[in-house]
Amino acid sequence: MKEHAIIKRPRVTEKATSLSEKGVYVFEVAQKANKREVIKAVHLLYNVTPRKVRMIMVPSKKVFMRGHVGFTAKIKKAMVFLKKGETIETL
């Protein structure tokens, strides 16, 4: 997989923003991506060396909209821990 196909987008939430101050960055990644691919993609895209990566699966949820039942998409998140002093400019 290409680096841009592995890392879809940074996850910008209140919790992810507070974690980025501590050197932890959260990204949405491809469903088939593994830790080694994420480490390699972050290194090539952002020129930083991750210390470790944690993968999290977010399940789909049932939602009701306009009287119809639907489901949100399931996603895979990667929490990337960087070495001290390194940062990523996501926006």
PDB file of N, CA and C in Angstrom:
ATOM      1  N   MET A   1       0.831  -1.190   0.000  1.00  0.00           N
ATOM      2  CA  MET A   1       0.000   0.000   0.000  1.00  0.00           C
ATOM      3  C   MET A   1       0.874   1.252   0.000  1.00  0.00           C
ATOM      4  N   LYS A   2       0.387   2.293  -0.618  1.00  0.00           N
ATOM      5  CA  LYS A   2       1.082   3.574  -0.605  1.00  0.00           C
ATOM      6  C   LYS A   2       0.840   4.275   0.727  1.00  0.00           C
ATOM      7  N   GLU A   3       1.719   5.211   1.072  1.00  0.00           N
ATOM      8  CA  GLU A   3       1.624   5.908   2.355  1.00  0.00           C
ATOM      9  C   GLU A   3       0.315   6.682   2.485  1.00  0.00           C
ATOM     10  N   HIS A   4      -0.111   7.321   1.382  1.00  0.00           N
ATOM     11  CA  HIS A   4      -1.348   8.099   1.433  1.00  0.00           C
ATOM     12  C   HIS A   4      -2.573   7.192   1.536  1.00  0.00           C
ATOM     13  N   ALA A   5      -2.454   5.956   1.091  1.00  0.00           N
ATOM     14  CA  ALA A   5      -3.565   5.017   1.204  1.00  0.00           C
ATOM     15  C   ALA A   5      -3.633   4.418   2.608  1.00  0.00           C
ATOM     16  N   ILE A   6      -2.510   4.357   3.297  1.00  0.00           N
ATOM     17  CA  ILE A   6      -2.490   3.799   4.652  1.00  0.00           C
ATOM     18  C   ILE A   6      -3.059   4.799   5.638  1.00  0.00           C
ATOM     19  N   ILE A   7      -2.562   6.036   5.620  1.00  0.00           N
ATOM     20  CA  ILE A   7      -3.050   7.068   6.533  1.00  0.00           C
ATOM     21  C   ILE A   7      -4.078   7.899   5.781  1.00  0.00           C
ATOM     22  N   LYS A   8      -5.337   7.788   6.205  1.00  0.00           N
ATOM     23  CA  LYS A   8      -6.414   8.497   5.514  1.00  0.00           C
ATOM     24  C   LYS A   8      -6.459   9.966   5.907  1.00  0.00           C
ATOM     25  N   ARG A   9      -6.531  10.233   7.215  1.00  0.00           N
ATOM     26  CA  ARG A   9      -6.633  11.619   7.688  1.00  0.00           C
ATOM     27  C   ARG A   9      -6.314  11.655   9.174  1.00  0.00           C
ATOM     28  N   PRO A  10      -5.874  12.811   9.665  1.00  0.00           N
ATOM     29  CA  PRO A  10      -5.703  12.936  11.118  1.00  0.00           C
ATOM     30  C   PRO A  10      -7.073  13.000  11.784  1.00  0.00           C
ATOM     31  N   ARG A  11      -7.170  12.467  12.962  1.00  0.00           N
ATOM     32  CA  ARG A  11      -8.436  12.460  13.719  1.00  0.00           C
ATOM     33  C   ARG A  11      -8.418  13.684  14.616  1.00  0.00           C
ATOM     34  N   VAL A  12      -9.243  14.686  14.299  1.00  0.00           N
ATOM     35  CA  VAL A  12      -9.259  15.948  15.051  1.00  0.00           C
ATOM     36  C   VAL A  12     -10.461  15.943  15.972  1.00  0.00           C
ATOM     37  N   THR A  13     -10.219  15.602  17.233  1.00  0.00           N
ATOM     38  CA  THR A  13     -11.235  15.629  18.270  1.00  0.00           C
ATOM     39  C   THR A  13     -10.631  16.323  19.485  1.00  0.00           C
ATOM     40  N   GLU A  14     -11.463  16.559  20.471  1.00  0.00           N
ATOM     41  CA  GLU A  14     -10.972  17.211  21.681  1.00  0.00           C
ATOM     42  C   GLU A  14      -9.934  16.344  22.388  1.00  0.00           C
ATOM     43  N   LYS A  15     -10.205  15.048  22.452  1.00  0.00           N
ATOM     44  CA  LYS A  15      -9.276  14.137  23.114  1.00  0.00           C
ATOM     45  C   LYS A  15      -7.966  14.025  22.326  1.00  0.00           C
ATOM     46  N   ALA A  16      -8.060  13.943  20.992  1.00  0.00           N
ATOM     47  CA  ALA A  16      -6.854  13.832  20.167  1.00  0.00           C
ATOM     48  C   ALA A  16      -6.008  15.100  20.260  1.00  0.00           C
ATOM     49  N   THR A  17      -6.663  16.258  20.376  1.00  0.00           N
ATOM     50  CA  THR A  17      -5.927  17.508  20.503  1.00  0.00           C
ATOM     51  C   THR A  17      -5.173  17.575  21.822  1.00  0.00           C
ATOM     52  N   SER A  18      -5.803  17.113  22.894  1.00  0.00           N
ATOM     53  CA  SER A  18      -5.116  17.121  24.188  1.00  0.00           C
ATOM     54  C   SER A  18      -3.976  16.102  24.206  1.00  0.00           C
ATOM     55  N   LEU A  19      -4.144  14.990  23.496  1.00  0.00           N
ATOM     56  CA  LEU A  19      -3.068  13.999  23.424  1.00  0.00           C
ATOM     57  C   LEU A  19      -1.882  14.503  22.603  1.00  0.00           C
ATOM     58  N   SER A  20      -2.152  15.338  21.599  1.00  0.00           N
ATOM     59  CA  SER A  20      -1.052  15.827  20.756  1.00  0.00           C
ATOM     60  C   SER A  20      -0.091  16.710  21.543  1.00  0.00           C
ATOM     61  N   GLU A  21      -0.566  17.330  22.613  1.00  0.00           N
ATOM     62  CA  GLU A  21       0.327  18.114  23.468  1.00  0.00           C
ATOM     63  C   GLU A  21       1.319  17.222  24.208  1.00  0.00           C
ATOM     64  N   LYS A  22       0.976  15.933  24.353  1.00  0.00           N
ATOM     65  CA  LYS A  22       1.842  14.975  25.039  1.00  0.00           C
ATOM     66  C   LYS A  22       2.681  14.148  24.063  1.00  0.00           C
ATOM     67  N   GLY A  23       2.575  14.452  22.751  1.00  0.00           N
ATOM     68  CA  GLY A  23       3.376  13.731  21.767  1.00  0.00           C
ATOM     69  C   GLY A  23       2.695  12.504  21.199  1.00  0.00           C
ATOM     70  N   VAL A  24       1.351  12.420  21.330  1.00  0.00           N
ATOM     71  CA  VAL A  24       0.593  11.297  20.794  1.00  0.00           C
ATOM     72  C   VAL A  24      -0.357  11.848  19.734  1.00  0.00           C
ATOM     73  N   TYR A  25      -0.296  11.298  18.525  1.00  0.00           N
ATOM     74  CA  TYR A  25      -1.126  11.776  17.420  1.00  0.00           C
ATOM     75  C   TYR A  25      -2.034  10.648  16.956  1.00  0.00           C
ATOM     76  N   VAL A  26      -3.286  10.994  16.632  1.00  0.00           N
ATOM     77  CA  VAL A  26      -4.285   9.997  16.260  1.00  0.00           C
ATOM     78  C   VAL A  26      -4.634  10.178  14.785  1.00  0.00           C
ATOM     79  N   PHE A  27      -4.606   9.063  14.034  1.00  0.00           N
ATOM     80  CA  PHE A  27      -4.918   9.075  12.612  1.00  0.00           C
ATOM     81  C   PHE A  27      -5.960   8.009  12.309  1.00  0.00           C
ATOM     82  N   GLU A  28      -6.803   8.266  11.294  1.00  0.00           N
ATOM     83  CA  GLU A  28      -7.640   7.222  10.731  1.00  0.00           C
ATOM     84  C   GLU A  28      -6.801   6.516   9.685  1.00  0.00           C
ATOM     85  N   VAL A  29      -6.789   5.189   9.735  1.00  0.00           N
ATOM     86  CA  VAL A  29      -5.959   4.414   8.814  1.00  0.00           C
ATOM     87  C   VAL A  29      -6.823   3.414   8.056  1.00  0.00           C
ATOM     88  N   ALA A  30      -6.249   2.807   7.023  1.00  0.00           N
ATOM     89  CA  ALA A  30      -6.948   1.810   6.222  1.00  0.00           C
ATOM     90  C   ALA A  30      -7.266   0.585   7.072  1.00  0.00           C
ATOM     91  N   GLN A  31      -8.342  -0.122   6.718  1.00  0.00           N
ATOM     92  CA  GLN A  31      -8.787  -1.286   7.478  1.00  0.00           C
ATOM     93  C   GLN A  31      -7.730  -2.392   7.505  1.00  0.00           C
ATOM     94  N   LYS A  32      -6.973  -2.543   6.431  1.00  0.00           N
ATOM     95  CA  LYS A  32      -5.991  -3.630   6.347  1.00  0.00           C
ATOM     96  C   LYS A  32      -4.597  -3.215   6.789  1.00  0.00           C
ATOM     97  N   ALA A  33      -4.429  -1.988   7.249  1.00  0.00           N
ATOM     98  CA  ALA A  33      -3.105  -1.504   7.656  1.00  0.00           C
ATOM     99  C   ALA A  33      -2.688  -2.145   8.976  1.00  0.00           C
ATOM    100  N   ASN A  34      -1.385  -2.422   9.103  1.00  0.00           N
ATOM    101  CA  ASN A  34      -0.864  -2.944  10.359  1.00  0.00           C
ATOM    102  C   ASN A  34       0.118  -1.930  10.958  1.00  0.00           C
ATOM    103  N   LYS A  35       0.645  -2.247  12.128  1.00  0.00           N
ATOM    104  CA  LYS A  35       1.502  -1.303  12.845  1.00  0.00           C
ATOM    105  C   LYS A  35       2.764  -0.949  12.055  1.00  0.00           C
ATOM    106  N   ARG A  36       3.377  -1.920  11.452  1.00  0.00           N
ATOM    107  CA  ARG A  36       4.620  -1.669  10.710  1.00  0.00           C
ATOM    108  C   ARG A  36       4.385  -0.750   9.525  1.00  0.00           C
ATOM    109  N   GLU A  37       3.264  -0.948   8.818  1.00  0.00           N
ATOM    110  CA  GLU A  37       2.941  -0.074   7.690  1.00  0.00           C
ATOM    111  C   GLU A  37       2.667   1.349   8.153  1.00  0.00           C
ATOM    112  N   VAL A  38       1.996   1.495   9.298  1.00  0.00           N
ATOM    113  CA  VAL A  38       1.697   2.824   9.833  1.00  0.00           C
ATOM    114  C   VAL A  38       2.988   3.527  10.249  1.00  0.00           C
ATOM    115  N   ILE A  39       3.894   2.811  10.888  1.00  0.00           N
ATOM    116  CA  ILE A  39       5.179   3.395  11.292  1.00  0.00           C
ATOM    117  C   ILE A  39       5.947   3.881  10.073  1.00  0.00           C
ATOM    118  N   LYS A  40       5.995   3.051   9.027  1.00  0.00           N
ATOM    119  CA  LYS A  40       6.711   3.412   7.808  1.00  0.00           C
ATOM    120  C   LYS A  40       6.062   4.619   7.122  1.00  0.00           C
ATOM    121  N   ALA A  41       4.723   4.664   7.083  1.00  0.00           N
ATOM    122  CA  ALA A  41       4.011   5.760   6.426  1.00  0.00           C
ATOM    123  C   ALA A  41       4.202   7.074   7.171  1.00  0.00           C
ATOM    124  N   VAL A  42       4.141   7.044   8.511  1.00  0.00           N
ATOM    125  CA  VAL A  42       4.341   8.264   9.305  1.00  0.00           C
ATOM    126  C   VAL A  42       5.762   8.774   9.124  1.00  0.00           C
ATOM    127  N   HIS A  43       6.715   7.858   9.080  1.00  0.00           N
ATOM    128  CA  HIS A  43       8.117   8.261   8.893  1.00  0.00           C
ATOM    129  C   HIS A  43       8.324   8.929   7.532  1.00  0.00           C
ATOM    130  N   LEU A  44       7.725   8.381   6.483  1.00  0.00           N
ATOM    131  CA  LEU A  44       7.903   8.941   5.145  1.00  0.00           C
ATOM    132  C   LEU A  44       7.114  10.234   4.940  1.00  0.00           C
ATOM    133  N   LEU A  45       5.902  10.320   5.488  1.00  0.00           N
ATOM    134  CA  LEU A  45       5.057  11.501   5.266  1.00  0.00           C
ATOM    135  C   LEU A  45       5.443  12.690   6.133  1.00  0.00           C
ATOM    136  N   TYR A  46       5.808  12.444   7.389  1.00  0.00           N
ATOM    137  CA  TYR A  46       6.031  13.536   8.342  1.00  0.00           C
ATOM    138  C   TYR A  46       7.482  13.677   8.799  1.00  0.00           C
ATOM    139  N   ASN A  47       8.374  12.794   8.358  1.00  0.00           N
ATOM    140  CA  ASN A  47       9.793  12.847   8.722  1.00  0.00           C
ATOM    141  C   ASN A  47      10.032  12.816  10.228  1.00  0.00           C
ATOM    142  N   VAL A  48       9.288  11.954  10.912  1.00  0.00           N
ATOM    143  CA  VAL A  48       9.488  11.729  12.345  1.00  0.00           C
ATOM    144  C   VAL A  48       9.569  10.225  12.569  1.00  0.00           C
ATOM    145  N   THR A  49      10.175   9.822  13.698  1.00  0.00           N
ATOM    146  CA  THR A  49      10.281   8.396  14.003  1.00  0.00           C
ATOM    147  C   THR A  49       9.359   8.053  15.166  1.00  0.00           C
ATOM    148  N   PRO A  50       8.298   7.283  14.912  1.00  0.00           N
ATOM    149  CA  PRO A  50       7.389   6.889  15.993  1.00  0.00           C
ATOM    150  C   PRO A  50       8.069   5.953  16.978  1.00  0.00           C
ATOM    151  N   ARG A  51       7.755   6.157  18.251  1.00  0.00           N
ATOM    152  CA  ARG A  51       8.273   5.298  19.310  1.00  0.00           C
ATOM    153  C   ARG A  51       7.458   4.012  19.389  1.00  0.00           C
ATOM    154  N   LYS A  52       6.114   4.152  19.291  1.00  0.00           N
ATOM    155  CA  LYS A  52       5.235   2.984  19.243  1.00  0.00           C
ATOM    156  C   LYS A  52       3.907   3.400  18.628  1.00  0.00           C
ATOM    157  N   VAL A  53       3.124   2.396  18.237  1.00  0.00           N
ATOM    158  CA  VAL A  53       1.821   2.628  17.617  1.00  0.00           C
ATOM    159  C   VAL A  53       0.807   1.698  18.272  1.00  0.00           C
ATOM    160  N   ARG A  54      -0.358   2.229  18.571  1.00  0.00           N
ATOM    161  CA  ARG A  54      -1.458   1.428  19.094  1.00  0.00           C
ATOM    162  C   ARG A  54      -2.604   1.495  18.090  1.00  0.00           C
ATOM    163  N   MET A  55      -3.196   0.353  17.763  1.00  0.00           N
ATOM    164  CA  MET A  55      -4.293   0.280  16.799  1.00  0.00           C
ATOM    165  C   MET A  55      -5.609   0.057  17.541  1.00  0.00           C
ATOM    166  N   ILE A  56      -6.653   0.766  17.104  1.00  0.00           N
ATOM    167  CA  ILE A  56      -7.961   0.679  17.743  1.00  0.00           C
ATOM    168  C   ILE A  56      -9.020   0.533  16.658  1.00  0.00           C
ATOM    169  N   MET A  57      -9.905  -0.453  16.804  1.00  0.00           N
ATOM    170  CA  MET A  57     -11.035  -0.604  15.896  1.00  0.00           C
ATOM    171  C   MET A  57     -12.263   0.060  16.534  1.00  0.00           C
ATOM    172  N   VAL A  58     -12.896   0.968  15.797  1.00  0.00           N
ATOM    173  CA  VAL A  58     -14.113   1.628  16.257  1.00  0.00           C
ATOM    174  C   VAL A  58     -15.270   0.970  15.514  1.00  0.00           C
ATOM    175  N   PRO A  59     -16.174   0.266  16.213  1.00  0.00           N
ATOM    176  CA  PRO A  59     -17.249  -0.455  15.522  1.00  0.00           C
ATOM    177  C   PRO A  59     -18.302   0.494  14.961  1.00  0.00           C
ATOM    178  N   SER A  60     -19.084  -0.012  14.011  1.00  0.00           N
ATOM    179  CA  SER A  60     -20.176   0.787  13.462  1.00  0.00           C
ATOM    180  C   SER A  60     -21.303   0.847  14.490  1.00  0.00           C
ATOM    181  N   LYS A  61     -22.116   1.907  14.401  1.00  0.00           N
ATOM    182  CA  LYS A  61     -23.211   2.104  15.347  1.00  0.00           C
ATOM    183  C   LYS A  61     -24.518   2.297  14.581  1.00  0.00           C
ATOM    184  N   LYS A  62     -25.604   1.898  15.193  1.00  0.00           N
ATOM    185  CA  LYS A  62     -26.914   2.067  14.580  1.00  0.00           C
ATOM    186  C   LYS A  62     -27.383   3.503  14.802  1.00  0.00           C
ATOM    187  N   VAL A  63     -27.874   4.153  13.739  1.00  0.00           N
ATOM    188  CA  VAL A  63     -28.390   5.514  13.832  1.00  0.00           C
ATOM    189  C   VAL A  63     -29.761   5.563  13.163  1.00  0.00           C
ATOM    190  N   PHE A  64     -30.599   6.486  13.620  1.00  0.00           N
ATOM    191  CA  PHE A  64     -31.907   6.713  13.031  1.00  0.00           C
ATOM    192  C   PHE A  64     -31.907   8.104  12.408  1.00  0.00           C
ATOM    193  N   MET A  65     -32.266   8.171  11.122  1.00  0.00           N
ATOM    194  CA  MET A  65     -32.320   9.452  10.452  1.00  0.00           C
ATOM    195  C   MET A  65     -33.551   9.486   9.560  1.00  0.00           C
ATOM    196  N   ARG A  66     -34.415  10.460   9.800  1.00  0.00           N
ATOM    197  CA  ARG A  66     -35.631  10.643   9.002  1.00  0.00           C
ATOM    198  C   ARG A  66     -36.482   9.389   8.956  1.00  0.00           C
ATOM    199  N   GLY A  67     -36.579   8.690  10.057  1.00  0.00           N
ATOM    200  CA  GLY A  67     -37.417   7.512  10.144  1.00  0.00           C
ATOM    201  C   GLY A  67     -36.813   6.246   9.579  1.00  0.00           C
ATOM    202  N   HIS A  68     -35.576   6.295   9.139  1.00  0.00           N
ATOM    203  CA  HIS A  68     -34.913   5.120   8.584  1.00  0.00           C
ATOM    204  C   HIS A  68     -33.748   4.710   9.472  1.00  0.00           C
ATOM    205  N   VAL A  69     -33.472   3.435   9.471  1.00  0.00           N
ATOM    206  CA  VAL A  69     -32.353   2.897  10.236  1.00  0.00           C
ATOM    207  C   VAL A  69     -31.133   2.853   9.330  1.00  0.00           C
ATOM    208  N   GLY A  70     -30.000   3.283   9.873  1.00  0.00           N
ATOM    209  CA  GLY A  70     -28.747   3.224   9.127  1.00  0.00           C
ATOM    210  C   GLY A  70     -27.613   2.876  10.071  1.00  0.00           C
ATOM    211  N   PHE A  71     -26.442   2.768   9.523  1.00  0.00           N
ATOM    212  CA  PHE A  71     -25.265   2.444  10.320  1.00  0.00           C
ATOM    213  C   PHE A  71     -24.132   3.394   9.967  1.00  0.00           C
ATOM    214  N   THR A  72     -23.362   3.795  10.963  1.00  0.00           N
ATOM    215  CA  THR A  72     -22.169   4.579  10.707  1.00  0.00           C
ATOM    216  C   THR A  72     -21.075   3.630  10.229  1.00  0.00           C
ATOM    217  N   ALA A  73     -20.078   4.159   9.592  1.00  0.00           N
ATOM    218  CA  ALA A  73     -18.986   3.333   9.085  1.00  0.00           C
ATOM    219  C   ALA A  73     -18.047   2.949  10.231  1.00  0.00           C
ATOM    220  N   LYS A  74     -17.551   1.726  10.201  1.00  0.00           N
ATOM    221  CA  LYS A  74     -16.538   1.345  11.182  1.00  0.00           C
ATOM    222  C   LYS A  74     -15.203   1.854  10.681  1.00  0.00           C
ATOM    223  N   ILE A  75     -14.353   2.260  11.613  1.00  0.00           N
ATOM    224  CA  ILE A  75     -13.053   2.806  11.236  1.00  0.00           C
ATOM    225  C   ILE A  75     -11.966   2.160  12.079  1.00  0.00           C
ATOM    226  N   LYS A  76     -10.743   2.342  11.627  1.00  0.00           N
ATOM    227  CA  LYS A  76      -9.572   1.881  12.357  1.00  0.00           C
ATOM    228  C   LYS A  76      -8.729   3.102  12.674  1.00  0.00           C
ATOM    229  N   LYS A  77      -8.357   3.264  13.944  1.00  0.00           N
ATOM    230  CA  LYS A  77      -7.545   4.391  14.374  1.00  0.00           C
ATOM    231  C   LYS A  77      -6.164   3.891  14.762  1.00  0.00           C
ATOM    232  N   ALA A  78      -5.191   4.782  14.597  1.00  0.00           N
ATOM    233  CA  ALA A  78      -3.830   4.488  15.030  1.00  0.00           C
ATOM    234  C   ALA A  78      -3.366   5.629  15.919  1.00  0.00           C
ATOM    235  N   MET A  79      -2.941   5.296  17.122  1.00  0.00           N
ATOM    236  CA  MET A  79      -2.343   6.276  18.027  1.00  0.00           C
ATOM    237  C   MET A  79      -0.832   6.161  17.873  1.00  0.00           C
ATOM    238  N   VAL A  80      -0.203   7.237  17.406  1.00  0.00           N
ATOM    239  CA  VAL A  80       1.229   7.247  17.122  1.00  0.00           C
ATOM    240  C   VAL A  80       1.946   8.022  18.221  1.00  0.00           C
ATOM    241  N   PHE A  81       2.813   7.353  18.949  1.00  0.00           N
ATOM    242  CA  PHE A  81       3.593   7.957  20.026  1.00  0.00           C
ATOM    243  C   PHE A  81       4.946   8.362  19.457  1.00  0.00           C
ATOM    244  N   LEU A  82       5.305   9.636  19.591  1.00  0.00           N
ATOM    245  CA  LEU A  82       6.567  10.134  19.054  1.00  0.00           C
ATOM    246  C   LEU A  82       7.599  10.296  20.160  1.00  0.00           C
ATOM    247  N   LYS A  83       8.859  10.410  19.744  1.00  0.00           N
ATOM    248  CA  LYS A  83       9.932  10.678  20.693  1.00  0.00           C
ATOM    249  C   LYS A  83       9.804  12.099  21.210  1.00  0.00           C
ATOM    250  N   LYS A  84      10.404  12.377  22.360  1.00  0.00           N
ATOM    251  CA  LYS A  84      10.331  13.722  22.941  1.00  0.00           C
ATOM    252  C   LYS A  84      10.953  14.738  22.003  1.00  0.00           C
ATOM    253  N   GLY A  85      10.295  15.881  21.878  1.00  0.00           N
ATOM    254  CA  GLY A  85      10.800  16.954  21.047  1.00  0.00           C
ATOM    255  C   GLY A  85      10.328  16.924  19.608  1.00  0.00           C
ATOM    256  N   GLU A  86       9.751  15.810  19.150  1.00  0.00           N
ATOM    257  CA  GLU A  86       9.250  15.726  17.782  1.00  0.00           C
ATOM    258  C   GLU A  86       7.764  16.067  17.746  1.00  0.00           C
ATOM    259  N   THR A  87       7.336  16.782  16.718  1.00  0.00           N
ATOM    260  CA  THR A  87       5.936  17.130  16.559  1.00  0.00           C
ATOM    261  C   THR A  87       5.515  16.931  15.110  1.00  0.00           C
ATOM    262  N   ILE A  88       4.208  16.874  14.913  1.00  0.00           N
ATOM    263  CA  ILE A  88       3.613  16.752  13.578  1.00  0.00           C
ATOM    264  C   ILE A  88       2.647  17.912  13.415  1.00  0.00           C
ATOM    265  N   GLU A  89       2.778  18.635  12.306  1.00  0.00           N
ATOM    266  CA  GLU A  89       1.814  19.689  11.995  1.00  0.00           C
ATOM    267  C   GLU A  89       0.717  19.061  11.156  1.00  0.00           C
ATOM    268  N   THR A  90      -0.460  18.810  11.765  1.00  0.00           N
ATOM    269  CA  THR A  90      -1.533  18.143  11.051  1.00  0.00           C
ATOM    270  C   THR A  90      -2.403  19.095  10.265  1.00  0.00           C
ATOM    271  N   LEU A  91      -2.615  20.302  10.743  1.00  0.00           N
ATOM    272  CA  LEU A  91      -3.467  21.262  10.025  1.00  0.00           C
ATOM    273  C   LEU A  91      -2.697  22.472   9.618  1.00  0.00           C
TER     274      LEU A  91
END
